[in-house]
N, C-alpha and C. Protein backbone atom coordinates (compact mmCIF):
# COMPACT_ATOMS: atom_id res chain seq x y z
N MET A 1 -99.75 82.78 -67.72
CA MET A 1 -99.84 81.81 -68.79
C MET A 1 -98.67 80.83 -68.66
N GLU A 2 -98.98 79.55 -68.88
CA GLU A 2 -97.95 78.52 -68.75
C GLU A 2 -97.40 78.10 -70.11
N LEU A 3 -96.09 77.89 -70.13
CA LEU A 3 -95.40 77.39 -71.31
C LEU A 3 -94.88 76.00 -70.97
N LYS A 4 -95.11 75.04 -71.85
CA LYS A 4 -94.66 73.67 -71.62
C LYS A 4 -93.50 73.37 -72.55
N THR A 5 -92.38 72.97 -71.96
CA THR A 5 -91.20 72.68 -72.77
C THR A 5 -91.38 71.36 -73.52
N ILE A 6 -90.74 71.27 -74.66
CA ILE A 6 -90.71 70.05 -75.45
C ILE A 6 -89.35 69.42 -75.18
N PRO A 7 -89.30 68.17 -74.71
CA PRO A 7 -88.06 67.62 -74.17
C PRO A 7 -87.05 67.06 -75.18
N TYR A 8 -87.21 67.34 -76.45
CA TYR A 8 -86.28 66.78 -77.42
C TYR A 8 -85.88 67.81 -78.46
N LYS A 9 -84.78 67.52 -79.17
CA LYS A 9 -84.29 68.42 -80.22
C LYS A 9 -85.17 68.28 -81.45
N LEU A 10 -85.34 69.40 -82.15
CA LEU A 10 -86.22 69.45 -83.31
C LEU A 10 -85.47 69.92 -84.55
N THR A 11 -86.00 69.51 -85.68
CA THR A 11 -85.48 69.93 -86.97
C THR A 11 -86.62 70.54 -87.77
N VAL A 12 -86.31 71.61 -88.50
CA VAL A 12 -87.24 72.22 -89.44
C VAL A 12 -86.67 71.95 -90.82
N CYS A 13 -87.47 71.38 -91.72
CA CYS A 13 -86.93 71.07 -93.04
C CYS A 13 -87.99 71.18 -94.12
N LYS A 14 -87.51 71.13 -95.37
CA LYS A 14 -88.38 71.06 -96.54
C LYS A 14 -88.20 69.69 -97.15
N VAL A 15 -89.30 69.08 -97.54
CA VAL A 15 -89.26 67.78 -98.19
C VAL A 15 -89.97 67.86 -99.54
N ALA A 16 -89.60 66.94 -100.45
CA ALA A 16 -90.22 66.92 -101.77
C ALA A 16 -91.63 66.35 -101.70
N ASP A 17 -91.83 65.36 -100.82
CA ASP A 17 -93.16 64.80 -100.60
C ASP A 17 -93.19 64.18 -99.21
N ILE A 18 -94.37 63.83 -98.76
CA ILE A 18 -94.51 63.35 -97.38
C ILE A 18 -94.32 61.84 -97.25
N SER A 19 -94.03 61.16 -98.33
CA SER A 19 -93.92 59.70 -98.25
C SER A 19 -92.79 59.24 -97.34
N ALA A 20 -91.76 60.07 -97.14
CA ALA A 20 -90.64 59.69 -96.28
C ALA A 20 -90.88 60.06 -94.81
N VAL A 21 -91.97 60.76 -94.53
CA VAL A 21 -92.26 61.17 -93.16
C VAL A 21 -92.86 60.00 -92.39
N ASP A 22 -92.33 59.75 -91.20
CA ASP A 22 -92.85 58.68 -90.36
C ASP A 22 -94.15 59.16 -89.72
N MET A 23 -95.26 58.75 -90.30
CA MET A 23 -96.56 59.19 -89.81
C MET A 23 -96.93 58.55 -88.47
N ASN A 24 -96.13 57.62 -88.00
CA ASN A 24 -96.37 57.01 -86.69
C ASN A 24 -95.55 57.68 -85.58
N ALA A 25 -94.70 58.63 -85.95
CA ALA A 25 -93.91 59.35 -84.95
C ALA A 25 -94.85 60.09 -84.02
N ASP A 26 -94.42 60.28 -82.77
CA ASP A 26 -95.31 60.93 -81.80
C ASP A 26 -95.33 62.45 -81.93
N PHE A 27 -94.40 63.04 -82.70
CA PHE A 27 -94.38 64.50 -82.83
C PHE A 27 -93.91 64.87 -84.24
N TYR A 28 -94.76 65.50 -85.00
CA TYR A 28 -94.38 66.11 -86.26
C TYR A 28 -95.46 67.09 -86.67
N PHE A 29 -95.08 68.03 -87.50
CA PHE A 29 -96.02 69.00 -88.03
C PHE A 29 -95.67 69.18 -89.50
N ILE A 30 -96.66 69.05 -90.37
CA ILE A 30 -96.45 69.23 -91.80
C ILE A 30 -97.28 70.42 -92.25
N GLY A 31 -96.64 71.30 -92.99
CA GLY A 31 -97.34 72.43 -93.60
C GLY A 31 -97.12 72.38 -95.10
N LYS A 32 -98.19 72.42 -95.87
CA LYS A 32 -98.06 72.35 -97.33
C LYS A 32 -98.74 73.57 -97.94
N THR A 33 -98.01 74.20 -98.83
CA THR A 33 -98.56 75.32 -99.60
C THR A 33 -98.33 75.04 -101.07
N ASP A 34 -98.68 75.97 -101.93
CA ASP A 34 -98.43 75.80 -103.36
C ASP A 34 -96.94 75.93 -103.70
N GLU A 35 -96.11 76.30 -102.71
CA GLU A 35 -94.68 76.48 -102.96
C GLU A 35 -93.78 75.46 -102.27
N GLU A 36 -94.26 74.80 -101.21
CA GLU A 36 -93.37 73.92 -100.46
C GLU A 36 -94.14 73.00 -99.53
N ILE A 37 -93.40 72.00 -99.04
CA ILE A 37 -93.88 71.15 -97.95
C ILE A 37 -92.85 71.29 -96.84
N SER A 38 -93.28 71.84 -95.71
CA SER A 38 -92.40 72.02 -94.56
C SER A 38 -92.72 70.96 -93.52
N LEU A 39 -91.68 70.54 -92.81
CA LEU A 39 -91.83 69.53 -91.78
C LEU A 39 -91.07 69.98 -90.54
N VAL A 40 -91.72 69.88 -89.38
CA VAL A 40 -91.06 70.04 -88.09
C VAL A 40 -91.17 68.68 -87.41
N CYS A 41 -90.04 68.15 -86.96
CA CYS A 41 -90.07 66.84 -86.33
C CYS A 41 -88.89 66.69 -85.38
N ARG A 42 -88.93 65.61 -84.59
CA ARG A 42 -87.76 65.28 -83.77
C ARG A 42 -86.58 65.11 -84.72
N THR A 43 -85.43 65.56 -84.31
CA THR A 43 -84.26 65.48 -85.18
C THR A 43 -84.00 64.04 -85.61
N GLU A 44 -84.15 63.09 -84.70
CA GLU A 44 -83.87 61.69 -85.06
C GLU A 44 -84.91 61.11 -86.02
N ASP A 45 -86.05 61.79 -86.21
CA ASP A 45 -87.08 61.33 -87.13
C ASP A 45 -87.03 62.05 -88.48
N THR A 46 -86.04 62.91 -88.68
CA THR A 46 -85.94 63.66 -89.93
C THR A 46 -85.67 62.70 -91.09
N PRO A 47 -86.45 62.80 -92.17
CA PRO A 47 -86.19 61.94 -93.33
C PRO A 47 -84.77 62.15 -93.86
N SER A 48 -84.19 61.11 -94.40
CA SER A 48 -82.82 61.21 -94.90
C SER A 48 -82.74 62.10 -96.14
N LEU A 49 -83.80 62.15 -96.91
CA LEU A 49 -83.81 62.99 -98.11
C LEU A 49 -84.64 64.24 -97.85
N THR A 50 -83.96 65.34 -97.59
CA THR A 50 -84.63 66.63 -97.43
C THR A 50 -84.07 67.59 -98.47
N ILE A 51 -84.83 68.59 -98.82
CA ILE A 51 -84.37 69.61 -99.75
C ILE A 51 -83.48 70.59 -99.01
N GLU A 52 -83.93 71.01 -97.85
CA GLU A 52 -83.17 71.88 -96.94
C GLU A 52 -83.54 71.48 -95.53
N ARG A 53 -82.62 71.73 -94.59
CA ARG A 53 -82.95 71.41 -93.19
C ARG A 53 -82.20 72.34 -92.25
N ASP A 54 -82.82 72.57 -91.11
CA ASP A 54 -82.24 73.41 -90.07
C ASP A 54 -82.35 72.62 -88.77
N ASP A 55 -81.25 72.03 -88.33
CA ASP A 55 -81.20 71.26 -87.09
C ASP A 55 -80.93 72.19 -85.91
N GLY A 56 -80.93 71.62 -84.72
CA GLY A 56 -80.52 72.37 -83.54
C GLY A 56 -81.59 73.29 -82.99
N ARG A 57 -82.82 72.88 -83.08
CA ARG A 57 -83.93 73.66 -82.52
C ARG A 57 -84.44 73.00 -81.25
N ARG A 58 -84.92 73.82 -80.34
CA ARG A 58 -85.63 73.37 -79.13
C ARG A 58 -86.92 74.17 -79.09
N GLY A 59 -87.92 73.66 -78.39
CA GLY A 59 -89.19 74.34 -78.44
C GLY A 59 -90.01 74.24 -77.17
N PHE A 60 -91.07 75.01 -77.17
CA PHE A 60 -92.07 74.99 -76.11
C PHE A 60 -93.40 75.39 -76.71
N ARG A 61 -94.46 75.07 -75.99
CA ARG A 61 -95.80 75.42 -76.47
C ARG A 61 -96.55 76.13 -75.35
N ILE A 62 -97.55 76.86 -75.75
CA ILE A 62 -98.44 77.48 -74.79
C ILE A 62 -99.33 76.37 -74.27
N LYS A 63 -99.34 76.17 -72.97
CA LYS A 63 -100.06 75.05 -72.37
C LYS A 63 -101.56 75.28 -72.44
N GLY A 64 -102.27 74.23 -72.77
CA GLY A 64 -103.73 74.30 -72.84
C GLY A 64 -104.22 74.63 -74.23
N MET A 65 -105.52 74.72 -74.35
CA MET A 65 -106.15 75.09 -75.63
C MET A 65 -106.39 76.59 -75.66
N LEU A 66 -106.00 77.21 -76.76
CA LEU A 66 -106.23 78.64 -76.93
C LEU A 66 -107.53 78.87 -77.69
N ASP A 67 -108.34 79.75 -77.18
CA ASP A 67 -109.56 80.12 -77.85
C ASP A 67 -109.21 81.03 -79.03
N PHE A 68 -109.89 80.85 -80.15
CA PHE A 68 -109.60 81.67 -81.34
C PHE A 68 -109.88 83.15 -81.11
N SER A 69 -110.63 83.50 -80.10
CA SER A 69 -110.93 84.91 -79.85
C SER A 69 -109.79 85.62 -79.13
N LEU A 70 -108.83 84.85 -78.61
CA LEU A 70 -107.68 85.47 -77.93
C LEU A 70 -106.78 86.14 -78.96
N ILE A 71 -106.36 87.35 -78.64
CA ILE A 71 -105.59 88.14 -79.60
C ILE A 71 -104.23 88.51 -79.02
N GLY A 72 -103.20 88.36 -79.82
CA GLY A 72 -101.88 88.89 -79.46
C GLY A 72 -100.99 88.00 -78.63
N ILE A 73 -101.37 86.76 -78.37
CA ILE A 73 -100.55 85.90 -77.52
C ILE A 73 -99.20 85.62 -78.18
N LEU A 74 -99.23 85.16 -79.41
CA LEU A 74 -97.98 84.87 -80.12
C LEU A 74 -97.18 86.15 -80.36
N SER A 75 -97.87 87.22 -80.61
CA SER A 75 -97.23 88.52 -80.82
C SER A 75 -96.46 88.97 -79.57
N ARG A 76 -97.08 88.80 -78.40
CA ARG A 76 -96.40 89.20 -77.15
C ARG A 76 -95.16 88.35 -76.91
N LEU A 77 -95.30 87.03 -77.07
CA LEU A 77 -94.15 86.14 -76.86
C LEU A 77 -93.02 86.44 -77.84
N SER A 78 -93.37 86.57 -79.11
CA SER A 78 -92.33 86.83 -80.11
C SER A 78 -91.70 88.21 -79.91
N GLY A 79 -92.49 89.17 -79.46
CA GLY A 79 -91.95 90.51 -79.19
C GLY A 79 -90.95 90.51 -78.05
N ILE A 80 -91.27 89.79 -76.99
CA ILE A 80 -90.34 89.69 -75.86
C ILE A 80 -89.03 89.06 -76.33
N LEU A 81 -89.13 87.98 -77.07
CA LEU A 81 -87.91 87.30 -77.54
C LEU A 81 -87.15 88.17 -78.54
N ALA A 82 -87.86 88.87 -79.40
CA ALA A 82 -87.20 89.78 -80.36
C ALA A 82 -86.45 90.89 -79.63
N ASP A 83 -87.04 91.41 -78.57
CA ASP A 83 -86.37 92.44 -77.78
C ASP A 83 -85.04 91.95 -77.20
N HIS A 84 -84.92 90.62 -77.04
CA HIS A 84 -83.69 90.03 -76.52
C HIS A 84 -82.87 89.35 -77.62
N LYS A 85 -83.18 89.72 -78.87
CA LYS A 85 -82.43 89.24 -80.04
C LYS A 85 -82.47 87.72 -80.17
N ILE A 86 -83.62 87.12 -79.87
CA ILE A 86 -83.81 85.68 -80.01
C ILE A 86 -84.82 85.46 -81.12
N GLY A 87 -84.36 84.88 -82.23
CA GLY A 87 -85.23 84.58 -83.36
C GLY A 87 -86.08 83.36 -83.07
N ILE A 88 -87.23 83.29 -83.72
CA ILE A 88 -88.14 82.16 -83.49
C ILE A 88 -88.59 81.55 -84.81
N PHE A 89 -89.08 80.32 -84.72
CA PHE A 89 -89.85 79.67 -85.77
C PHE A 89 -91.15 79.28 -85.09
N ALA A 90 -92.25 79.83 -85.54
CA ALA A 90 -93.54 79.59 -84.88
C ALA A 90 -94.39 78.62 -85.69
N VAL A 91 -95.10 77.77 -84.97
CA VAL A 91 -96.05 76.84 -85.58
C VAL A 91 -97.36 76.98 -84.80
N SER A 92 -98.42 77.16 -85.53
CA SER A 92 -99.73 77.23 -84.89
C SER A 92 -100.55 76.03 -85.30
N THR A 93 -101.19 75.42 -84.31
CA THR A 93 -102.09 74.31 -84.56
C THR A 93 -103.49 74.74 -84.13
N TYR A 94 -104.44 73.85 -84.27
CA TYR A 94 -105.80 74.17 -83.86
C TYR A 94 -105.85 74.49 -82.37
N ASN A 95 -105.09 73.74 -81.55
CA ASN A 95 -105.16 73.90 -80.10
C ASN A 95 -104.31 75.04 -79.55
N THR A 96 -103.10 75.21 -80.08
CA THR A 96 -102.16 76.13 -79.43
C THR A 96 -101.05 76.57 -80.39
N ASP A 97 -100.11 77.32 -79.86
CA ASP A 97 -98.96 77.79 -80.63
C ASP A 97 -97.69 77.17 -80.06
N TYR A 98 -96.76 76.88 -80.95
CA TYR A 98 -95.45 76.34 -80.60
C TYR A 98 -94.40 77.35 -81.03
N ILE A 99 -93.37 77.51 -80.20
CA ILE A 99 -92.27 78.39 -80.56
C ILE A 99 -90.98 77.58 -80.50
N LEU A 100 -90.23 77.63 -81.58
CA LEU A 100 -88.93 76.95 -81.65
C LEU A 100 -87.85 78.01 -81.73
N VAL A 101 -86.78 77.80 -81.01
CA VAL A 101 -85.62 78.68 -81.03
C VAL A 101 -84.38 77.83 -81.25
N LYS A 102 -83.30 78.46 -81.67
CA LYS A 102 -82.04 77.73 -81.81
C LYS A 102 -81.62 77.25 -80.42
N GLU A 103 -81.02 76.07 -80.39
CA GLU A 103 -80.66 75.44 -79.12
C GLU A 103 -79.80 76.34 -78.23
N GLU A 104 -78.90 77.10 -78.83
CA GLU A 104 -78.03 77.96 -78.03
C GLU A 104 -78.78 79.11 -77.35
N ASN A 105 -80.01 79.39 -77.80
CA ASN A 105 -80.83 80.45 -77.20
C ASN A 105 -81.95 79.92 -76.32
N TYR A 106 -82.08 78.62 -76.21
CA TYR A 106 -83.23 78.00 -75.54
C TYR A 106 -83.33 78.37 -74.07
N GLU A 107 -82.30 78.13 -73.30
CA GLU A 107 -82.36 78.43 -71.86
C GLU A 107 -82.55 79.93 -71.61
N ARG A 108 -81.90 80.75 -72.43
CA ARG A 108 -82.05 82.21 -72.28
C ARG A 108 -83.49 82.62 -72.61
N ALA A 109 -84.07 82.02 -73.64
CA ALA A 109 -85.46 82.34 -74.01
C ALA A 109 -86.41 82.00 -72.87
N LEU A 110 -86.25 80.82 -72.29
CA LEU A 110 -87.11 80.43 -71.17
C LEU A 110 -86.92 81.35 -69.98
N SER A 111 -85.68 81.73 -69.70
CA SER A 111 -85.39 82.62 -68.58
C SER A 111 -86.02 84.00 -68.79
N VAL A 112 -85.88 84.52 -70.00
CA VAL A 112 -86.45 85.83 -70.32
C VAL A 112 -87.97 85.80 -70.17
N LEU A 113 -88.60 84.76 -70.70
CA LEU A 113 -90.06 84.66 -70.61
C LEU A 113 -90.51 84.47 -69.17
N ASN A 114 -89.75 83.72 -68.40
CA ASN A 114 -90.05 83.55 -66.98
C ASN A 114 -89.99 84.88 -66.26
N SER A 115 -88.97 85.67 -66.57
CA SER A 115 -88.84 86.98 -65.92
C SER A 115 -89.94 87.95 -66.33
N GLU A 116 -90.61 87.66 -67.45
CA GLU A 116 -91.74 88.49 -67.92
C GLU A 116 -93.08 87.96 -67.41
N GLY A 117 -93.05 86.98 -66.50
CA GLY A 117 -94.28 86.51 -65.89
C GLY A 117 -94.85 85.21 -66.44
N TYR A 118 -94.19 84.61 -67.41
CA TYR A 118 -94.65 83.33 -67.94
C TYR A 118 -94.12 82.21 -67.08
N SER A 119 -94.96 81.25 -66.77
CA SER A 119 -94.55 80.09 -65.99
C SER A 119 -94.09 79.01 -66.95
N VAL A 120 -92.90 78.46 -66.71
CA VAL A 120 -92.34 77.44 -67.59
C VAL A 120 -92.37 76.10 -66.87
N VAL A 121 -93.06 75.11 -67.46
CA VAL A 121 -93.14 73.77 -66.87
C VAL A 121 -92.59 72.73 -67.84
């Protein structure tokens, strides 16, 4: 299975509403529940007014489209990283899964996954 790196720094934050989000940005993910609105975006695209924010993330995604019948892909990846004490922030979209790690763990995470048979591009 191939993992595709995301070439820029990411921020995970909470916003009061989406009006400050640049909807023309090339990369963002918004999740809204009855309790919060979460945003993942390039650090330089983070709205100036956030409720909370966590900078210093790097990420990668599972390359290609994942069929909904596939089971355990995110579980296997997160388990490998957990075994190496690397925490994750996961985002799932219709096509695939994204994994974000703290920047200081990024190269180690890719190396660990590569050693477990994942190809990193």
